[in-house]
């Protein structure tokens, strides 16, 4: 799964884009998908701007799948 695929799937799930960032831009009360230091990262940024539950991935596909599953289970 790529980022464009993920964006499409999240739209199909009717997830409001205010709850995620797929370009690494950090926003409060939001799930963030980004790329840093040659790894993909997914984390939640709380309402105070602090990152929580940081997960690292070696591939974009794994990071996108993780974030997609997060919203399915939500």
N, C-alpha and C. Protein backbone atom coordinates (compact mmCIF):
# COMPACT_ATOMS: atom_id res chain seq x y z
N UNK A 1 0.85 -1.17 0.00
CA UNK A 1 0.00 0.00 0.00
C UNK A 1 0.90 1.23 0.00
N UNK A 2 0.59 2.17 -0.84
CA UNK A 2 1.31 3.44 -0.90
C UNK A 2 0.50 4.53 -0.21
N UNK A 3 1.09 5.70 -0.06
CA UNK A 3 0.39 6.81 0.58
C UNK A 3 -0.86 7.21 -0.21
N UNK A 4 -0.81 7.30 -1.55
CA UNK A 4 -2.06 7.59 -2.28
C UNK A 4 -3.13 6.51 -2.06
N UNK A 5 -2.72 5.25 -2.01
CA UNK A 5 -3.68 4.17 -1.72
C UNK A 5 -4.30 4.36 -0.34
N UNK A 6 -3.45 4.66 0.63
CA UNK A 6 -3.93 4.86 2.00
C UNK A 6 -4.92 6.01 2.07
N UNK A 7 -4.59 7.09 1.41
CA UNK A 7 -5.48 8.26 1.41
C UNK A 7 -6.86 7.88 0.86
N UNK A 8 -6.86 7.12 -0.21
CA UNK A 8 -8.12 6.67 -0.82
C UNK A 8 -8.89 5.75 0.13
N UNK A 9 -8.19 4.83 0.77
CA UNK A 9 -8.85 3.89 1.68
C UNK A 9 -9.41 4.60 2.92
N UNK A 10 -8.69 5.60 3.41
CA UNK A 10 -9.19 6.35 4.55
C UNK A 10 -10.44 7.15 4.17
N UNK A 11 -10.47 7.65 2.96
CA UNK A 11 -11.66 8.35 2.48
C UNK A 11 -12.84 7.38 2.39
N UNK A 12 -12.58 6.16 1.93
CA UNK A 12 -13.64 5.14 1.86
C UNK A 12 -14.18 4.81 3.25
N UNK A 13 -13.30 4.88 4.27
CA UNK A 13 -13.73 4.63 5.65
C UNK A 13 -14.39 5.86 6.27
N UNK A 14 -14.42 6.97 5.52
CA UNK A 14 -14.98 8.24 5.98
C UNK A 14 -14.22 8.81 7.17
N UNK A 15 -12.90 8.62 7.18
CA UNK A 15 -12.06 9.21 8.22
C UNK A 15 -11.79 10.66 7.83
N UNK A 16 -12.15 11.57 8.70
CA UNK A 16 -11.93 12.99 8.44
C UNK A 16 -10.42 13.26 8.38
N UNK A 17 -9.95 13.92 7.32
CA UNK A 17 -8.52 14.21 7.18
C UNK A 17 -7.92 15.04 8.32
N UNK A 18 -8.73 15.62 9.14
CA UNK A 18 -8.22 16.37 10.28
C UNK A 18 -7.56 15.43 11.30
N UNK A 19 -7.85 14.13 11.21
CA UNK A 19 -7.32 13.16 12.16
C UNK A 19 -6.05 12.46 11.70
N UNK A 20 -5.52 12.83 10.55
CA UNK A 20 -4.28 12.22 10.10
C UNK A 20 -3.47 13.17 9.22
N UNK A 21 -2.17 12.92 9.20
CA UNK A 21 -1.24 13.65 8.36
C UNK A 21 -0.37 12.61 7.65
N UNK A 22 -0.39 12.62 6.33
CA UNK A 22 0.35 11.62 5.57
C UNK A 22 1.65 12.18 4.98
N UNK A 23 1.98 13.41 5.32
CA UNK A 23 3.20 14.03 4.77
C UNK A 23 4.22 14.38 5.85
N UNK A 24 4.00 13.84 7.05
CA UNK A 24 4.93 14.08 8.15
C UNK A 24 4.70 15.37 8.90
N UNK A 25 3.76 16.18 8.44
CA UNK A 25 3.46 17.44 9.14
C UNK A 25 2.81 17.11 10.48
N UNK A 26 3.40 17.62 11.54
CA UNK A 26 2.91 17.32 12.89
C UNK A 26 1.77 18.27 13.24
N UNK A 27 0.64 17.68 13.57
CA UNK A 27 -0.54 18.44 13.98
C UNK A 27 -1.06 17.83 15.28
N UNK A 28 -1.67 18.63 16.12
CA UNK A 28 -2.16 18.15 17.41
C UNK A 28 -3.38 17.26 17.23
N UNK A 29 -3.50 16.27 18.13
CA UNK A 29 -4.62 15.32 18.16
C UNK A 29 -4.78 14.65 16.80
N UNK A 30 -3.69 14.06 16.32
CA UNK A 30 -3.66 13.56 14.95
C UNK A 30 -2.67 12.40 14.84
N UNK A 31 -2.96 11.44 13.97
CA UNK A 31 -2.02 10.38 13.63
C UNK A 31 -1.11 10.89 12.52
N UNK A 32 0.18 10.68 12.68
CA UNK A 32 1.18 11.20 11.76
C UNK A 32 1.91 10.05 11.06
N UNK A 33 2.04 10.15 9.75
CA UNK A 33 2.86 9.23 8.96
C UNK A 33 3.96 10.06 8.33
N UNK A 34 5.20 9.67 8.58
CA UNK A 34 6.30 10.44 8.03
C UNK A 34 7.50 9.56 7.72
N UNK A 35 8.53 10.18 7.20
CA UNK A 35 9.77 9.49 6.86
C UNK A 35 10.91 10.27 7.48
N UNK A 36 11.70 9.59 8.30
CA UNK A 36 12.84 10.26 8.93
C UNK A 36 13.97 9.27 9.15
N UNK A 37 15.16 9.72 8.88
CA UNK A 37 16.36 8.92 9.08
C UNK A 37 16.26 7.54 8.42
N UNK A 38 15.82 7.51 7.19
CA UNK A 38 15.71 6.32 6.35
C UNK A 38 14.70 5.28 6.84
N UNK A 39 13.78 5.70 7.71
CA UNK A 39 12.71 4.82 8.16
C UNK A 39 11.38 5.55 8.15
N UNK A 40 10.32 4.79 8.01
CA UNK A 40 8.97 5.32 8.09
C UNK A 40 8.55 5.31 9.55
N UNK A 41 7.82 6.33 9.94
CA UNK A 41 7.37 6.45 11.32
C UNK A 41 5.88 6.77 11.35
N UNK A 42 5.19 6.17 12.30
CA UNK A 42 3.78 6.46 12.55
C UNK A 42 3.64 6.70 14.04
N UNK A 43 2.96 7.78 14.39
CA UNK A 43 2.73 8.07 15.80
C UNK A 43 1.51 8.96 15.96
N UNK A 44 1.02 9.00 17.19
CA UNK A 44 -0.07 9.89 17.54
C UNK A 44 0.54 11.13 18.18
N UNK A 45 0.09 12.30 17.79
CA UNK A 45 0.50 13.56 18.40
C UNK A 45 -0.66 14.03 19.26
N UNK A 46 -0.45 14.09 20.56
CA UNK A 46 -1.57 14.42 21.45
C UNK A 46 -1.96 15.90 21.36
N UNK A 47 -2.97 16.28 22.12
CA UNK A 47 -3.52 17.63 22.04
C UNK A 47 -2.52 18.70 22.52
N UNK A 48 -1.45 18.27 23.20
CA UNK A 48 -0.40 19.20 23.63
C UNK A 48 0.80 19.20 22.69
N UNK A 49 0.72 18.43 21.60
CA UNK A 49 1.79 18.39 20.63
C UNK A 49 2.88 17.38 20.94
N UNK A 50 2.65 16.49 21.91
CA UNK A 50 3.64 15.48 22.27
C UNK A 50 3.40 14.19 21.50
N UNK A 51 4.45 13.60 20.93
CA UNK A 51 4.28 12.34 20.21
C UNK A 51 4.10 11.18 21.19
N UNK A 52 3.23 10.24 20.82
CA UNK A 52 2.97 9.05 21.63
C UNK A 52 2.92 7.83 20.72
N UNK A 53 3.22 6.66 21.28
CA UNK A 53 3.09 5.38 20.58
C UNK A 53 3.81 5.37 19.23
N UNK A 54 5.02 5.80 19.25
CA UNK A 54 5.84 5.89 18.03
C UNK A 54 6.21 4.50 17.53
N UNK A 55 5.93 4.25 16.26
CA UNK A 55 6.26 2.97 15.62
C UNK A 55 7.13 3.24 14.40
N UNK A 56 8.19 2.45 14.25
CA UNK A 56 9.11 2.59 13.12
C UNK A 56 8.94 1.43 12.15
N UNK A 57 9.07 1.71 10.86
CA UNK A 57 8.89 0.70 9.82
C UNK A 57 9.98 0.86 8.77
N UNK A 58 10.35 -0.26 8.15
CA UNK A 58 11.36 -0.24 7.10
C UNK A 58 10.76 0.02 5.72
N UNK A 59 9.44 -0.12 5.60
CA UNK A 59 8.83 0.11 4.29
C UNK A 59 7.59 0.99 4.42
N UNK A 60 7.34 1.72 3.34
CA UNK A 60 6.14 2.56 3.27
C UNK A 60 4.90 1.68 3.37
N UNK A 61 4.93 0.53 2.74
CA UNK A 61 3.78 -0.38 2.75
C UNK A 61 3.41 -0.79 4.17
N UNK A 62 4.40 -1.16 4.98
CA UNK A 62 4.11 -1.57 6.35
C UNK A 62 3.56 -0.41 7.19
N UNK A 63 4.13 0.77 7.01
CA UNK A 63 3.67 1.94 7.76
C UNK A 63 2.23 2.30 7.37
N UNK A 64 1.93 2.27 6.08
CA UNK A 64 0.58 2.58 5.60
C UNK A 64 -0.42 1.55 6.10
N UNK A 65 -0.04 0.29 6.06
CA UNK A 65 -0.94 -0.78 6.52
C UNK A 65 -1.22 -0.62 8.02
N UNK A 66 -0.19 -0.29 8.79
CA UNK A 66 -0.37 -0.07 10.22
C UNK A 66 -1.37 1.05 10.48
N UNK A 67 -1.20 2.17 9.78
CA UNK A 67 -2.09 3.31 9.98
C UNK A 67 -3.52 2.98 9.53
N UNK A 68 -3.64 2.28 8.43
CA UNK A 68 -4.96 1.86 7.95
C UNK A 68 -5.65 0.98 9.00
N UNK A 69 -4.92 0.01 9.53
CA UNK A 69 -5.49 -0.88 10.55
C UNK A 69 -5.86 -0.11 11.81
N UNK A 70 -5.09 0.90 12.15
CA UNK A 70 -5.41 1.74 13.30
C UNK A 70 -6.82 2.32 13.14
N UNK A 71 -7.10 2.86 11.97
CA UNK A 71 -8.40 3.49 11.77
C UNK A 71 -9.52 2.47 11.61
N UNK A 72 -9.23 1.29 11.12
CA UNK A 72 -10.25 0.24 11.06
C UNK A 72 -10.68 -0.16 12.47
N UNK A 73 -9.72 -0.30 13.35
CA UNK A 73 -10.01 -0.74 14.72
C UNK A 73 -10.56 0.36 15.60
N UNK A 74 -10.48 1.57 15.14
CA UNK A 74 -10.90 2.73 15.93
C UNK A 74 -12.38 2.84 16.00
